[in-house]
N, C-alpha and C. Protein backbone atom coordinates (compact mmCIF):
# COMPACT_ATOMS: atom_id res chain seq x y z
N ILE A 1 0.86 -1.17 0.00
CA ILE A 1 0.00 0.00 0.00
C ILE A 1 0.91 1.25 0.00
N SER A 2 0.57 2.17 -0.81
CA SER A 2 1.38 3.38 -0.90
C SER A 2 1.08 4.32 0.27
N HIS A 3 2.00 5.24 0.50
CA HIS A 3 1.82 6.22 1.57
C HIS A 3 0.55 7.05 1.30
N ALA A 4 0.33 7.43 0.06
CA ALA A 4 -0.85 8.23 -0.29
C ALA A 4 -2.13 7.44 -0.02
N SER A 5 -2.14 6.15 -0.35
CA SER A 5 -3.31 5.31 -0.09
C SER A 5 -3.56 5.17 1.40
N ALA A 6 -2.49 5.01 2.16
CA ALA A 6 -2.61 4.89 3.62
C ALA A 6 -3.19 6.17 4.21
N GLU A 7 -2.72 7.31 3.72
CA GLU A 7 -3.25 8.60 4.19
C GLU A 7 -4.73 8.74 3.88
N LYS A 8 -5.14 8.31 2.70
CA LYS A 8 -6.55 8.37 2.32
C LYS A 8 -7.40 7.49 3.22
N LEU A 9 -6.91 6.28 3.49
CA LEU A 9 -7.65 5.37 4.34
C LEU A 9 -7.75 5.90 5.77
N PHE A 10 -6.67 6.48 6.27
CA PHE A 10 -6.69 7.05 7.61
C PHE A 10 -7.68 8.21 7.66
N ASP A 11 -7.66 9.07 6.67
CA ASP A 11 -8.58 10.21 6.63
C ASP A 11 -10.03 9.72 6.63
N LEU A 12 -10.31 8.70 5.84
CA LEU A 12 -11.66 8.14 5.79
C LEU A 12 -12.05 7.57 7.15
N SER A 13 -11.13 6.84 7.78
CA SER A 13 -11.41 6.25 9.10
C SER A 13 -11.63 7.32 10.16
N ALA A 14 -10.84 8.38 10.12
CA ALA A 14 -10.98 9.47 11.09
C ALA A 14 -12.32 10.17 10.91
N ARG A 15 -12.71 10.40 9.68
CA ARG A 15 -14.01 11.04 9.42
C ARG A 15 -15.16 10.14 9.88
N GLN A 16 -15.02 8.84 9.66
CA GLN A 16 -16.06 7.90 10.09
C GLN A 16 -16.15 7.87 11.61
N ALA A 17 -15.02 7.93 12.30
CA ALA A 17 -15.02 7.95 13.77
C ALA A 17 -15.71 9.21 14.28
N MET A 18 -15.48 10.34 13.65
CA MET A 18 -16.13 11.59 14.05
C MET A 18 -17.64 11.47 13.86
N TYR A 19 -18.05 10.92 12.73
CA TYR A 19 -19.47 10.72 12.46
C TYR A 19 -20.09 9.77 13.49
N ASN A 20 -19.40 8.65 13.74
CA ASN A 20 -19.90 7.67 14.70
C ASN A 20 -19.98 8.27 16.11
N ALA A 21 -18.97 9.02 16.49
CA ALA A 21 -18.98 9.66 17.81
C ALA A 21 -20.18 10.59 17.94
N SER A 22 -20.45 11.34 16.91
CA SER A 22 -21.57 12.29 16.97
C SER A 22 -22.90 11.56 17.14
N SER A 23 -23.00 10.32 16.70
CA SER A 23 -24.26 9.58 16.82
C SER A 23 -24.51 9.10 18.25
N TYR A 24 -23.48 9.03 19.07
CA TYR A 24 -23.64 8.59 20.46
C TYR A 24 -24.16 9.71 21.37
N PHE A 25 -23.99 10.96 20.96
CA PHE A 25 -24.25 12.08 21.87
C PHE A 25 -25.28 13.04 21.29
N LYS A 26 -26.38 13.23 22.02
CA LYS A 26 -27.46 14.13 21.59
C LYS A 26 -26.98 15.57 21.49
N ARG A 27 -26.04 15.95 22.35
CA ARG A 27 -25.63 17.35 22.43
C ARG A 27 -24.28 17.58 21.73
N TRP A 28 -23.97 16.77 20.77
CA TRP A 28 -22.67 16.82 20.08
C TRP A 28 -22.32 18.22 19.62
N LYS A 29 -23.28 18.94 19.08
CA LYS A 29 -23.02 20.28 18.53
C LYS A 29 -22.61 21.27 19.62
N GLU A 30 -22.92 20.98 20.87
CA GLU A 30 -22.56 21.87 21.98
C GLU A 30 -21.15 21.60 22.52
N PHE A 31 -20.55 20.48 22.17
CA PHE A 31 -19.23 20.14 22.69
C PHE A 31 -18.18 21.03 22.04
N THR A 32 -17.11 21.27 22.78
CA THR A 32 -15.99 22.05 22.23
C THR A 32 -15.24 21.20 21.22
N PRO A 33 -14.46 21.82 20.35
CA PRO A 33 -13.66 21.03 19.40
C PRO A 33 -12.76 20.01 20.11
N TYR A 34 -12.18 20.39 21.25
CA TYR A 34 -11.30 19.46 21.97
C TYR A 34 -12.08 18.27 22.53
N GLN A 35 -13.29 18.51 23.00
CA GLN A 35 -14.12 17.42 23.50
C GLN A 35 -14.49 16.47 22.36
N LYS A 36 -14.82 17.05 21.21
CA LYS A 36 -15.16 16.23 20.05
C LYS A 36 -13.97 15.39 19.60
N ILE A 37 -12.79 15.97 19.61
CA ILE A 37 -11.59 15.24 19.20
C ILE A 37 -11.33 14.09 20.16
N ALA A 38 -11.42 14.35 21.45
CA ALA A 38 -11.16 13.30 22.45
C ALA A 38 -12.14 12.15 22.31
N LEU A 39 -13.42 12.47 22.17
CA LEU A 39 -14.43 11.42 22.04
C LEU A 39 -14.30 10.69 20.70
N SER A 40 -14.01 11.41 19.64
CA SER A 40 -13.81 10.77 18.33
C SER A 40 -12.61 9.84 18.36
N ASP A 41 -11.55 10.26 19.04
CA ASP A 41 -10.37 9.42 19.15
C ASP A 41 -10.69 8.13 19.89
N MET A 42 -11.49 8.23 20.95
CA MET A 42 -11.88 7.01 21.67
C MET A 42 -12.68 6.08 20.77
N VAL A 43 -13.61 6.65 20.02
CA VAL A 43 -14.41 5.83 19.10
C VAL A 43 -13.52 5.19 18.04
N TYR A 44 -12.57 5.95 17.52
CA TYR A 44 -11.64 5.42 16.52
C TYR A 44 -10.83 4.25 17.09
N GLN A 45 -10.29 4.44 18.29
CA GLN A 45 -9.45 3.42 18.91
C GLN A 45 -10.23 2.18 19.32
N MET A 46 -11.45 2.37 19.80
CA MET A 46 -12.22 1.28 20.38
C MET A 46 -13.25 0.68 19.44
N GLY A 47 -13.57 1.38 18.38
CA GLY A 47 -14.55 0.84 17.45
C GLY A 47 -15.89 0.59 18.13
N PRO A 48 -16.53 -0.52 17.80
CA PRO A 48 -17.86 -0.80 18.37
C PRO A 48 -17.85 -1.02 19.88
N ASN A 49 -16.68 -1.27 20.47
CA ASN A 49 -16.61 -1.44 21.92
C ASN A 49 -16.91 -0.16 22.68
N PHE A 50 -16.88 0.98 22.00
CA PHE A 50 -17.17 2.25 22.67
C PHE A 50 -18.55 2.24 23.30
N LYS A 51 -19.50 1.56 22.69
CA LYS A 51 -20.87 1.55 23.21
C LYS A 51 -20.97 0.91 24.59
N THR A 52 -19.94 0.20 25.04
CA THR A 52 -19.96 -0.40 26.37
C THR A 52 -19.68 0.62 27.47
N PHE A 53 -19.29 1.83 27.11
CA PHE A 53 -19.02 2.89 28.08
C PHE A 53 -20.32 3.62 28.41
N THR A 54 -21.24 2.88 28.97
CA THR A 54 -22.59 3.40 29.19
C THR A 54 -22.63 4.55 30.19
N THR A 55 -21.79 4.51 31.22
CA THR A 55 -21.78 5.61 32.19
C THR A 55 -21.39 6.91 31.51
N LEU A 56 -20.35 6.87 30.72
CA LEU A 56 -19.89 8.05 29.98
C LEU A 56 -20.99 8.56 29.06
N ILE A 57 -21.55 7.67 28.26
CA ILE A 57 -22.56 8.07 27.28
C ILE A 57 -23.81 8.63 27.97
N THR A 58 -24.27 7.95 29.01
CA THR A 58 -25.46 8.41 29.73
C THR A 58 -25.22 9.76 30.37
N HIS A 59 -24.08 9.93 31.01
CA HIS A 59 -23.78 11.20 31.68
C HIS A 59 -23.68 12.34 30.66
N ALA A 60 -23.06 12.09 29.53
CA ALA A 60 -22.91 13.14 28.51
C ALA A 60 -24.23 13.48 27.85
N ASN A 61 -25.19 12.57 27.91
CA ASN A 61 -26.48 12.80 27.26
C ASN A 61 -27.56 13.32 28.20
N GLN A 62 -27.18 13.74 29.40
CA GLN A 62 -28.19 14.28 30.31
C GLN A 62 -28.81 15.54 29.72
N GLU A 63 -29.99 15.85 30.17
CA GLU A 63 -30.75 16.97 29.61
C GLU A 63 -30.20 18.34 29.99
N LYS A 64 -29.71 18.47 31.21
CA LYS A 64 -29.22 19.79 31.64
C LYS A 64 -27.86 20.08 30.99
N PRO A 65 -27.53 21.35 30.84
CA PRO A 65 -26.21 21.68 30.27
C PRO A 65 -25.09 21.10 31.13
N LEU A 66 -24.05 20.63 30.47
CA LEU A 66 -22.93 20.01 31.16
C LEU A 66 -22.04 21.07 31.79
N THR A 67 -21.71 20.85 33.05
CA THR A 67 -20.84 21.77 33.77
C THR A 67 -19.41 21.22 33.75
N ASP A 68 -18.48 22.00 34.27
CA ASP A 68 -17.10 21.52 34.39
C ASP A 68 -17.04 20.26 35.26
N LYS A 69 -17.86 20.23 36.31
CA LYS A 69 -17.89 19.04 37.18
C LYS A 69 -18.38 17.82 36.40
N ASP A 70 -19.39 18.01 35.55
CA ASP A 70 -19.89 16.91 34.72
C ASP A 70 -18.78 16.37 33.81
N TRP A 71 -18.05 17.29 33.18
CA TRP A 71 -16.97 16.86 32.28
C TRP A 71 -15.85 16.16 33.06
N GLU A 72 -15.63 16.58 34.29
CA GLU A 72 -14.63 15.90 35.12
C GLU A 72 -15.08 14.47 35.42
N THR A 73 -16.36 14.28 35.71
CA THR A 73 -16.90 12.94 35.94
C THR A 73 -16.76 12.09 34.68
N ILE A 74 -17.06 12.68 33.54
CA ILE A 74 -16.93 11.96 32.27
C ILE A 74 -15.46 11.60 32.03
N ARG A 75 -14.57 12.56 32.27
CA ARG A 75 -13.15 12.31 32.06
C ARG A 75 -12.66 11.16 32.94
N LEU A 76 -13.07 11.16 34.19
CA LEU A 76 -12.64 10.11 35.10
C LEU A 76 -13.21 8.75 34.70
N SER A 77 -14.44 8.73 34.22
CA SER A 77 -15.01 7.44 33.78
C SER A 77 -14.30 6.95 32.52
N MET A 78 -13.93 7.88 31.64
CA MET A 78 -13.19 7.51 30.44
C MET A 78 -11.83 6.93 30.82
N ARG A 79 -11.16 7.63 31.71
CA ARG A 79 -9.81 7.23 32.10
C ARG A 79 -9.81 5.85 32.75
N GLY A 80 -10.74 5.62 33.66
CA GLY A 80 -10.80 4.33 34.33
C GLY A 80 -11.05 3.20 33.37
N ASN A 81 -12.10 3.32 32.58
CA ASN A 81 -12.43 2.28 31.61
C ASN A 81 -11.37 2.17 30.52
N TRP A 82 -10.92 3.30 30.04
CA TRP A 82 -9.93 3.31 28.96
C TRP A 82 -8.65 2.61 29.39
N TYR A 83 -8.12 2.96 30.53
CA TYR A 83 -6.87 2.37 30.99
C TYR A 83 -7.04 0.90 31.34
N THR A 84 -8.20 0.55 31.87
CA THR A 84 -8.43 -0.85 32.22
C THR A 84 -8.52 -1.73 30.98
N ARG A 85 -9.25 -1.27 30.00
CA ARG A 85 -9.50 -2.09 28.82
C ARG A 85 -8.48 -1.94 27.71
N TYR A 86 -7.93 -0.73 27.57
CA TYR A 86 -7.07 -0.43 26.42
C TYR A 86 -5.78 0.24 26.83
N SER A 87 -5.14 -0.25 27.88
CA SER A 87 -3.97 0.43 28.42
C SER A 87 -2.84 0.54 27.40
N ASP A 88 -2.75 -0.39 26.47
CA ASP A 88 -1.70 -0.32 25.47
C ASP A 88 -1.91 0.80 24.45
N ARG A 89 -3.15 1.34 24.38
CA ARG A 89 -3.44 2.43 23.44
C ARG A 89 -3.83 3.72 24.12
N ALA A 90 -3.91 3.71 25.45
CA ALA A 90 -4.37 4.89 26.18
C ALA A 90 -3.23 5.90 26.32
N PRO A 91 -3.53 7.17 26.09
CA PRO A 91 -2.49 8.20 26.29
C PRO A 91 -2.25 8.43 27.77
N ASP A 92 -1.06 8.87 28.08
CA ASP A 92 -0.73 9.20 29.49
C ASP A 92 -1.10 10.62 29.81
């Protein structure tokens, strides 16, 4: 596979992960670009296993606007599950 083909495939996969991530969250349009990137990266790395992070998904989909404390809870749930299940791919 050529470098150009690999880049095209990666770009397609990254776009698909962003699309898939947006389907998990009702309030996707309200998230900051950094929040979207972090969640899309998790979806990219974990694929269909992302749906098992029910605490994260449920908390992010609550009806009230998300506060900094809410995002901290989400971050901690991501970190715990992420490191437990995917420690070889989890960032430090």
